[in-house]
Protein backbone atom coordinates (compact mmCIF):
# COMPACT_ATOMS: atom_id res chain seq x y z
CA UNK A 1 -1.54 32.82 -42.33
CA UNK A 2 -5.65 33.30 -43.19
CA UNK A 3 -6.90 36.42 -44.27
CA UNK A 4 -8.83 38.34 -42.13
CA UNK A 5 -12.23 37.82 -43.40
CA UNK A 6 -11.91 34.34 -43.05
CA UNK A 7 -11.19 34.55 -39.63
CA UNK A 8 -14.45 35.97 -38.94
CA UNK A 9 -18.43 34.38 -37.71
CA UNK A 10 -19.19 33.81 -41.01
CA UNK A 11 -15.70 31.52 -41.75
CA UNK A 12 -15.79 29.21 -44.87
CA UNK A 13 -13.65 26.78 -45.23
CA UNK A 14 -13.11 23.79 -47.89
CA UNK A 15 -11.45 21.09 -45.25
CA UNK A 16 -11.56 21.59 -41.31
CA UNK A 17 -8.72 19.48 -39.93
CA UNK A 18 -9.49 17.90 -36.33
CA UNK A 19 -6.68 15.62 -35.25
CA UNK A 20 -5.14 15.57 -31.75
CA UNK A 21 -2.16 17.05 -30.28
CA UNK A 22 0.57 13.95 -30.38
CA UNK A 23 -0.66 13.91 -34.17
CA UNK A 24 0.32 17.15 -35.16
CA UNK A 25 2.83 16.74 -37.30
CA UNK A 26 0.74 14.55 -39.61
CA UNK A 27 -1.87 16.93 -39.04
CA UNK A 28 0.49 19.35 -40.78
CA UNK A 29 1.44 17.32 -43.85
CA UNK A 30 -1.85 16.76 -44.69
CA UNK A 31 -2.26 20.21 -44.19
CA UNK A 32 0.51 21.32 -46.57
CA UNK A 33 -0.50 18.83 -49.26
CA UNK A 34 -4.67 20.25 -49.47
CA UNK A 35 -3.40 23.11 -49.18
CA UNK A 36 -0.51 22.92 -52.81
CA UNK A 37 -4.64 21.57 -54.38
CA UNK A 38 -5.07 24.49 -53.79
CA UNK A 39 -7.76 24.33 -51.29
CA UNK A 40 -9.13 26.65 -47.68
CA UNK A 41 -7.70 24.48 -45.33
CA UNK A 42 -8.71 25.33 -40.94
CA UNK A 43 -5.63 24.07 -39.46
CA UNK A 44 -5.38 25.53 -36.02
CA UNK A 45 -1.40 25.94 -36.52
CA UNK A 46 -1.87 27.97 -39.54
CA UNK A 47 -4.90 30.08 -39.08
CA UNK A 48 -4.84 31.22 -35.07
CA UNK A 49 -3.24 34.08 -34.10
CA UNK A 50 -2.08 35.79 -30.64
CA UNK A 51 -4.92 36.61 -28.60
CA UNK A 52 -7.57 34.09 -30.73
CA UNK A 53 -9.95 32.15 -28.28
CA UNK A 54 -9.99 28.91 -30.08
CA UNK A 55 -13.04 27.99 -28.07
CA UNK A 56 -15.07 30.24 -29.31
CA UNK A 57 -13.56 30.11 -33.04
CA UNK A 58 -13.54 26.09 -33.14
CA UNK A 59 -17.46 25.75 -33.16
CA UNK A 60 -17.89 28.27 -35.85
CA UNK A 61 -15.22 26.79 -38.06
CA UNK A 62 -16.16 23.66 -38.26
CA UNK A 63 -20.06 24.44 -38.71
CA UNK A 64 -18.40 26.82 -41.71
CA UNK A 65 -16.55 24.02 -43.59
CA UNK A 66 -17.89 22.05 -46.25
CA UNK A 67 -15.69 18.79 -45.25
CA UNK A 68 -14.62 17.79 -41.77
CA UNK A 69 -11.19 15.19 -41.49
CA UNK A 70 -10.70 13.33 -38.34
CA UNK A 71 -7.72 11.94 -38.25
CA UNK A 72 -8.38 8.39 -35.65
CA UNK A 73 -5.27 7.30 -33.69
CA UNK A 74 -4.44 5.81 -30.45
CA UNK A 75 -4.50 9.76 -29.22
CA UNK A 76 -8.12 10.22 -30.43
CA UNK A 77 -9.64 8.77 -27.25
CA UNK A 78 -8.49 10.90 -25.01
CA UNK A 79 -8.20 14.13 -26.98
CA UNK A 80 -10.77 16.99 -25.67
CA UNK A 81 -10.77 19.30 -27.72
CA UNK A 82 -10.72 16.88 -30.68
CA UNK A 83 -13.87 14.85 -29.47
CA UNK A 84 -15.73 17.92 -29.13
CA UNK A 85 -15.15 18.39 -32.94
CA UNK A 86 -16.20 15.54 -34.19
CA UNK A 87 -19.22 15.85 -32.25
CA UNK A 88 -20.35 19.11 -34.05
CA UNK A 89 -19.24 17.69 -37.40
CA UNK A 90 -21.34 14.35 -36.41
CA UNK A 91 -24.17 16.59 -36.30
CA UNK A 92 -22.98 19.04 -39.56
CA UNK A 93 -23.06 15.69 -40.66
CA UNK A 94 -26.54 14.60 -39.92
CA UNK A 95 -27.86 17.92 -40.62
CA UNK A 96 -26.50 20.23 -43.19
CA UNK A 97 -24.55 19.47 -46.24
CA UNK A 98 -21.16 18.41 -44.84
CA UNK A 99 -19.03 15.42 -45.30
CA UNK A 100 -17.10 13.94 -42.08
CA UNK A 101 -13.94 11.91 -43.81
CA UNK A 102 -12.08 10.06 -40.87
CA UNK A 103 -8.81 9.20 -41.50
CA UNK A 104 -6.75 6.48 -39.58
CA UNK A 105 -3.09 7.20 -38.80
CA UNK A 106 -2.51 2.98 -37.80
CA UNK A 107 -3.93 -0.03 -39.21
CA UNK A 108 -5.56 -0.94 -35.20
CA UNK A 109 -7.16 2.46 -34.97
CA UNK A 110 -10.89 2.15 -34.21
CA UNK A 111 -13.42 4.66 -34.96
CA UNK A 112 -15.09 6.52 -32.90
CA UNK A 113 -19.18 6.42 -32.16
CA UNK A 114 -20.52 8.09 -34.98
CA UNK A 115 -18.03 7.01 -37.71
CA UNK A 116 -18.10 3.15 -38.01
CA UNK A 117 -20.28 2.84 -40.78
CA UNK A 118 -18.43 5.81 -42.81
CA UNK A 119 -15.53 4.87 -45.00
CA UNK A 120 -12.46 5.64 -44.02
CA UNK A 121 -9.03 6.45 -45.35
CA UNK A 122 -5.47 5.68 -44.14
CA UNK A 123 -2.86 7.50 -43.68
CA UNK A 124 0.19 5.19 -42.22
CA UNK A 125 2.79 6.63 -43.37
CA UNK A 126 4.63 9.60 -45.29
CA UNK A 127 4.10 8.46 -48.57
CA UNK A 128 0.24 8.20 -48.09
CA UNK A 129 0.02 11.45 -48.03
CA UNK A 130 -0.24 12.60 -51.12
CA UNK A 131 -2.83 10.12 -52.11
CA UNK A 132 -4.96 10.97 -49.23
CA UNK A 133 -4.92 14.67 -50.08
CA UNK A 134 -6.23 13.78 -53.49
CA UNK A 135 -9.16 11.50 -52.46
CA UNK A 136 -9.86 14.08 -50.16
CA UNK A 137 -10.00 16.60 -52.44
CA UNK A 138 -12.03 15.50 -54.71
CA UNK A 139 -15.22 15.12 -52.30
CA UNK A 140 -14.78 19.13 -51.60
CA UNK A 141 -17.81 20.82 -53.34
CA UNK A 142 -16.12 23.39 -56.16
CA UNK A 143 -17.43 26.99 -56.27
CA UNK A 144 -19.76 28.16 -59.35
CA UNK A 145 -18.13 30.42 -62.05
CA UNK A 146 -17.69 33.65 -61.37
CA UNK A 147 -19.95 34.96 -64.12
CA UNK A 148 -22.41 32.52 -62.77
CA UNK A 149 -22.38 30.35 -65.60
CA UNK A 150 -23.81 26.54 -64.28
CA UNK A 151 -21.35 24.34 -63.11
CA UNK A 152 -22.21 20.72 -64.99
CA UNK A 153 -20.65 18.86 -61.70
CA UNK A 154 -19.77 20.34 -58.61
CA UNK A 155 -17.19 17.82 -57.23
CA UNK A 156 -13.86 17.40 -58.82
CA UNK A 157 -13.86 14.72 -61.49
CA UNK A 158 -13.95 11.31 -60.46
CA UNK A 159 -12.25 8.63 -62.72
CA UNK A 160 -14.62 7.03 -65.33
CA UNK A 161 -16.41 3.66 -64.39
CA UNK A 162 -15.62 0.06 -64.90
CA UNK A 163 -17.13 -1.79 -68.06
CA UNK A 164 -19.77 -3.64 -66.89
CA UNK A 165 -19.86 -6.08 -69.09
CA UNK A 166 -21.65 -7.62 -71.99
CA UNK A 167 -25.36 -7.53 -70.65
CA UNK A 168 -24.96 -3.92 -69.31
CA UNK A 169 -23.62 -3.06 -72.68
CA UNK A 170 -26.57 -4.59 -74.45
CA UNK A 171 -29.24 -2.71 -71.76
CA UNK A 172 -27.40 0.65 -73.05
CA UNK A 173 -27.92 -0.39 -76.58
CA UNK A 174 -31.31 -1.30 -76.36
CA UNK A 175 -31.88 2.09 -74.34
CA UNK A 176 -30.31 3.65 -77.25
CA UNK A 177 -32.57 2.29 -79.78
CA UNK A 178 -35.73 2.99 -77.96
CA UNK A 179 -34.84 6.73 -77.12
CA UNK A 180 -34.21 6.72 -81.18
CA UNK A 181 -37.25 5.05 -82.71
CA UNK A 182 -37.22 3.17 -85.83
CA UNK A 183 -35.16 3.89 -88.61
CA UNK A 184 -36.20 5.71 -91.76
CA UNK A 185 -36.58 4.68 -95.14
CA UNK A 186 -32.43 4.17 -95.63
CA UNK A 187 -32.12 2.80 -92.49
CA UNK A 188 -30.41 6.28 -90.15
CA UNK A 189 -32.31 5.90 -87.37
CA UNK A 190 -31.80 9.49 -86.87
CA UNK A 191 -33.97 10.23 -89.56
CA UNK A 192 -36.89 8.20 -88.59
CA UNK A 193 -37.45 10.45 -85.75
CA UNK A 194 -36.63 13.24 -87.23
CA UNK A 195 -39.87 12.56 -89.32
CA UNK A 196 -41.64 11.20 -86.51
CA UNK A 197 -40.92 14.58 -84.62
CA UNK A 198 -42.60 16.23 -87.64
CA UNK A 199 -45.38 13.70 -88.40
CA UNK A 200 -46.44 14.71 -85.00
CA UNK A 201 -45.00 17.97 -83.78
CA UNK A 202 -44.97 18.96 -80.18
CA UNK A 203 -47.55 21.10 -78.62
């Protein structure tokens, strides 16, 4: 159960899961995988307590989420609550710093209006749960360290980019040579740059 502090008007979640009732089992599995990765996930089955007004809490929880994950299946078109969550998420993605991620549960699932241009993830079976959870986690902004030190990258590190080929390597070397300046008398470009800086000190 989520702490009381996270259930008020200023709720802040890493991920909000929007799904149709027939897809609850798949949503629950994805929720467990995301929580196992250390994320704070808003999943109605795990955060609602007796007497909670979901009509009141749902909009605030969507607005307070960094990432909204919408599970898409044949049931989505008839899921009233999920469609209202999707509309809120689309508005958040357009007007604020919120990421909307559609996740297809079947190969023939059609993305709803407003999400067609977004890259969708595929969660077709149990073997896909962990990989999809990892891809979602990679998009969640990370909080600053407690001491307030700046974070070099506010997202979970991505895999390194593939080598672009000979032309790209030559362009990178040319840029480095241009920045370093001509070499010094001993052939070391670092010495040439240092002597240039000494000859023309910065103001």
